[in-house]
Amino acid sequence: MLLAVEINYSGQDVDTIVRRFAESAGENEFPNGVRLAHRFHSPGTKWACVIVDVDDVVALQLWLSEWIDVLEIQIHPVTTDETVAPVVEAMLNRQG
């Protein structure tokens, strides 16, 4: 399942976040069962979004537990245009 992990943080935690990110980024950043699809940063803000492909909710929770002390996190299930296309088509067909 694709999930958008929306991240907000305060200015007081920036040094900790940058240090932790630099130390953890790379091959072993995500546990087995969680794969990075995309990561987006909004320059000049305290916001980012990580799109992960998850097969293991426990692995997701373990990864998030590494960050919950310095980040405000919201998780949203997301899908691609290709995946949602049949749903849109069914809705249009119902409308006649």
C-alpha atoms as a PDB file:
ATOM      1  CA  MET A   1       0.000   0.000   0.000  1.00  0.00           C
ATOM      2  CA  LEU A   2       1.232   3.472  -0.839  1.00  0.00           C
ATOM      3  CA  LEU A   3       1.181   5.944   2.030  1.00  0.00           C
ATOM      4  CA  ALA A   4       1.972   9.644   2.101  1.00  0.00           C
ATOM      5  CA  VAL A   5       3.769  10.432   5.331  1.00  0.00           C
ATOM      6  CA  GLU A   6       3.268  14.163   5.832  1.00  0.00           C
ATOM      7  CA  ILE A   7       5.887  15.718   8.087  1.00  0.00           C
ATOM      8  CA  ASN A   8       5.891  19.025   9.942  1.00  0.00           C
ATOM      9  CA  TYR A   9       8.491  20.140  12.449  1.00  0.00           C
ATOM     10  CA  SER A  10       9.409  23.078  14.614  1.00  0.00           C
ATOM     11  CA  GLY A  11      12.458  25.277  14.196  1.00  0.00           C
ATOM     12  CA  GLN A  12      13.825  24.258  17.565  1.00  0.00           C
ATOM     13  CA  ASP A  13      14.362  20.667  16.372  1.00  0.00           C
ATOM     14  CA  VAL A  14      16.054  21.401  13.033  1.00  0.00           C
ATOM     15  CA  ASP A  15      19.607  20.550  14.152  1.00  0.00           C
ATOM     16  CA  THR A  16      18.486  17.223  15.630  1.00  0.00           C
ATOM     17  CA  ILE A  17      16.432  16.379  12.533  1.00  0.00           C
ATOM     18  CA  VAL A  18      19.223  17.237  10.079  1.00  0.00           C
ATOM     19  CA  ARG A  19      21.784  15.242  12.063  1.00  0.00           C
ATOM     20  CA  ARG A  20      19.510  12.213  12.417  1.00  0.00           C
ATOM     21  CA  PHE A  21      18.540  12.337   8.721  1.00  0.00           C
ATOM     22  CA  ALA A  22      22.196  12.526   7.634  1.00  0.00           C
ATOM     23  CA  GLU A  23      23.061   9.559   9.855  1.00  0.00           C
ATOM     24  CA  SER A  24      20.128   7.384   8.755  1.00  0.00           C
ATOM     25  CA  ALA A  25      19.695   8.196   5.050  1.00  0.00           C
ATOM     26  CA  GLY A  26      20.791   5.556   2.619  1.00  0.00           C
ATOM     27  CA  GLU A  27      20.385   1.837   2.087  1.00  0.00           C
ATOM     28  CA  ASN A  28      19.256   0.976   5.598  1.00  0.00           C
ATOM     29  CA  GLU A  29      17.047   3.997   6.246  1.00  0.00           C
ATOM     30  CA  PHE A  30      13.824   1.979   6.033  1.00  0.00           C
ATOM     31  CA  PRO A  31      13.182  -1.424   7.606  1.00  0.00           C
ATOM     32  CA  ASN A  32      12.180  -4.462   5.540  1.00  0.00           C
ATOM     33  CA  GLY A  33       8.546  -4.040   4.552  1.00  0.00           C
ATOM     34  CA  VAL A  34       8.856  -0.264   3.984  1.00  0.00           C
ATOM     35  CA  ARG A  35      10.247   1.060   0.694  1.00  0.00           C
ATOM     36  CA  LEU A  36      10.840   4.673  -0.276  1.00  0.00           C
ATOM     37  CA  ALA A  37       8.864   5.632  -3.396  1.00  0.00           C
ATOM     38  CA  HIS A  38       9.473   9.418  -3.323  1.00  0.00           C
ATOM     39  CA  ARG A  39      10.542  12.109  -0.902  1.00  0.00           C
ATOM     40  CA  PHE A  40       9.597  15.774  -1.265  1.00  0.00           C
ATOM     41  CA  HIS A  41      10.922  18.778   0.647  1.00  0.00           C
ATOM     42  CA  SER A  42       9.388  22.239   0.612  1.00  0.00           C
ATOM     43  CA  PRO A  43      12.276  24.740   0.663  1.00  0.00           C
ATOM     44  CA  GLY A  44      11.928  27.523   3.173  1.00  0.00           C
ATOM     45  CA  THR A  45       9.250  25.702   5.159  1.00  0.00           C
ATOM     46  CA  LYS A  46       9.178  23.102   7.895  1.00  0.00           C
ATOM     47  CA  TRP A  47       7.254  20.579   5.788  1.00  0.00           C
ATOM     48  CA  ALA A  48       8.127  17.420   3.872  1.00  0.00           C
ATOM     49  CA  CYS A  49       6.302  14.431   2.428  1.00  0.00           C
ATOM     50  CA  VAL A  50       7.622  10.896   2.114  1.00  0.00           C
ATOM     51  CA  ILE A  51       5.769   8.415  -0.103  1.00  0.00           C
ATOM     52  CA  VAL A  52       6.397   4.866   1.075  1.00  0.00           C
ATOM     53  CA  ASP A  53       5.239   1.505  -0.228  1.00  0.00           C
ATOM     54  CA  VAL A  54       4.365  -0.606   2.807  1.00  0.00           C
ATOM     55  CA  ASP A  55       3.689  -4.331   3.186  1.00  0.00           C
ATOM     56  CA  ASP A  56       4.293  -4.467   6.934  1.00  0.00           C
ATOM     57  CA  VAL A  57       2.497  -2.054   9.262  1.00  0.00           C
ATOM     58  CA  VAL A  58       4.719  -3.064  12.203  1.00  0.00           C
ATOM     59  CA  ALA A  59       7.808  -2.104  10.186  1.00  0.00           C
ATOM     60  CA  LEU A  60       6.151   1.229   9.376  1.00  0.00           C
ATOM     61  CA  GLN A  61       5.435   1.849  13.053  1.00  0.00           C
ATOM     62  CA  LEU A  62       9.026   0.978  13.984  1.00  0.00           C
ATOM     63  CA  TRP A  63      10.377   3.415  11.386  1.00  0.00           C
ATOM     64  CA  LEU A  64       8.020   6.176  12.557  1.00  0.00           C
ATOM     65  CA  SER A  65       8.967   5.541  16.192  1.00  0.00           C
ATOM     66  CA  GLU A  66      12.495   6.687  15.315  1.00  0.00           C
ATOM     67  CA  TRP A  67      11.128  10.149  14.431  1.00  0.00           C
ATOM     68  CA  ILE A  68       8.039  10.765  16.556  1.00  0.00           C
ATOM     69  CA  ASP A  69      10.014  12.682  19.191  1.00  0.00           C
ATOM     70  CA  VAL A  70      10.977  15.458  16.730  1.00  0.00           C
ATOM     71  CA  LEU A  71       8.382  15.325  13.936  1.00  0.00           C
ATOM     72  CA  GLU A  72       4.646  15.835  13.718  1.00  0.00           C
ATOM     73  CA  ILE A  73       3.498  13.037  11.421  1.00  0.00           C
ATOM     74  CA  GLN A  74       0.255  12.406   9.557  1.00  0.00           C
ATOM     75  CA  ILE A  75      -0.284   9.382   7.329  1.00  0.00           C
ATOM     76  CA  HIS A  76      -2.589   9.312   4.307  1.00  0.00           C
ATOM     77  CA  PRO A  77      -3.246   6.338   2.012  1.00  0.00           C
ATOM     78  CA  VAL A  78      -2.605   7.402  -1.586  1.00  0.00           C
ATOM     79  CA  THR A  79      -2.915   5.867  -5.028  1.00  0.00           C
ATOM     80  CA  THR A  80      -1.782   6.542  -8.565  1.00  0.00           C
ATOM     81  CA  ASP A  81      -3.878   7.772 -11.482  1.00  0.00           C
ATOM     82  CA  GLU A  82      -3.629   4.314 -13.047  1.00  0.00           C
ATOM     83  CA  THR A  83      -4.941   2.612  -9.917  1.00  0.00           C
ATOM     84  CA  VAL A  84      -7.843   5.001  -9.394  1.00  0.00           C
ATOM     85  CA  ALA A  85      -8.875   5.055 -13.085  1.00  0.00           C
ATOM     86  CA  PRO A  86     -11.264   2.053 -12.806  1.00  0.00           C
ATOM     87  CA  VAL A  87     -12.977   3.687  -9.824  1.00  0.00           C
ATOM     88  CA  VAL A  88     -13.466   6.931 -11.741  1.00  0.00           C
ATOM     89  CA  GLU A  89     -14.776   4.981 -14.735  1.00  0.00           C
ATOM     90  CA  ALA A  90     -17.283   3.104 -12.537  1.00  0.00           C
ATOM     91  CA  MET A  91     -18.468   6.389 -11.020  1.00  0.00           C
ATOM     92  CA  LEU A  92     -18.964   7.906 -14.475  1.00  0.00           C
ATOM     93  CA  ASN A  93     -20.866   4.818 -15.653  1.00  0.00           C
ATOM     94  CA  ARG A  94     -23.221   5.050 -12.659  1.00  0.00           C
ATOM     95  CA  GLN A  95     -24.008   8.653 -13.534  1.00  0.00           C
ATOM     96  CA  GLY A  96     -25.115   7.550 -16.982  1.00  0.00           C
END
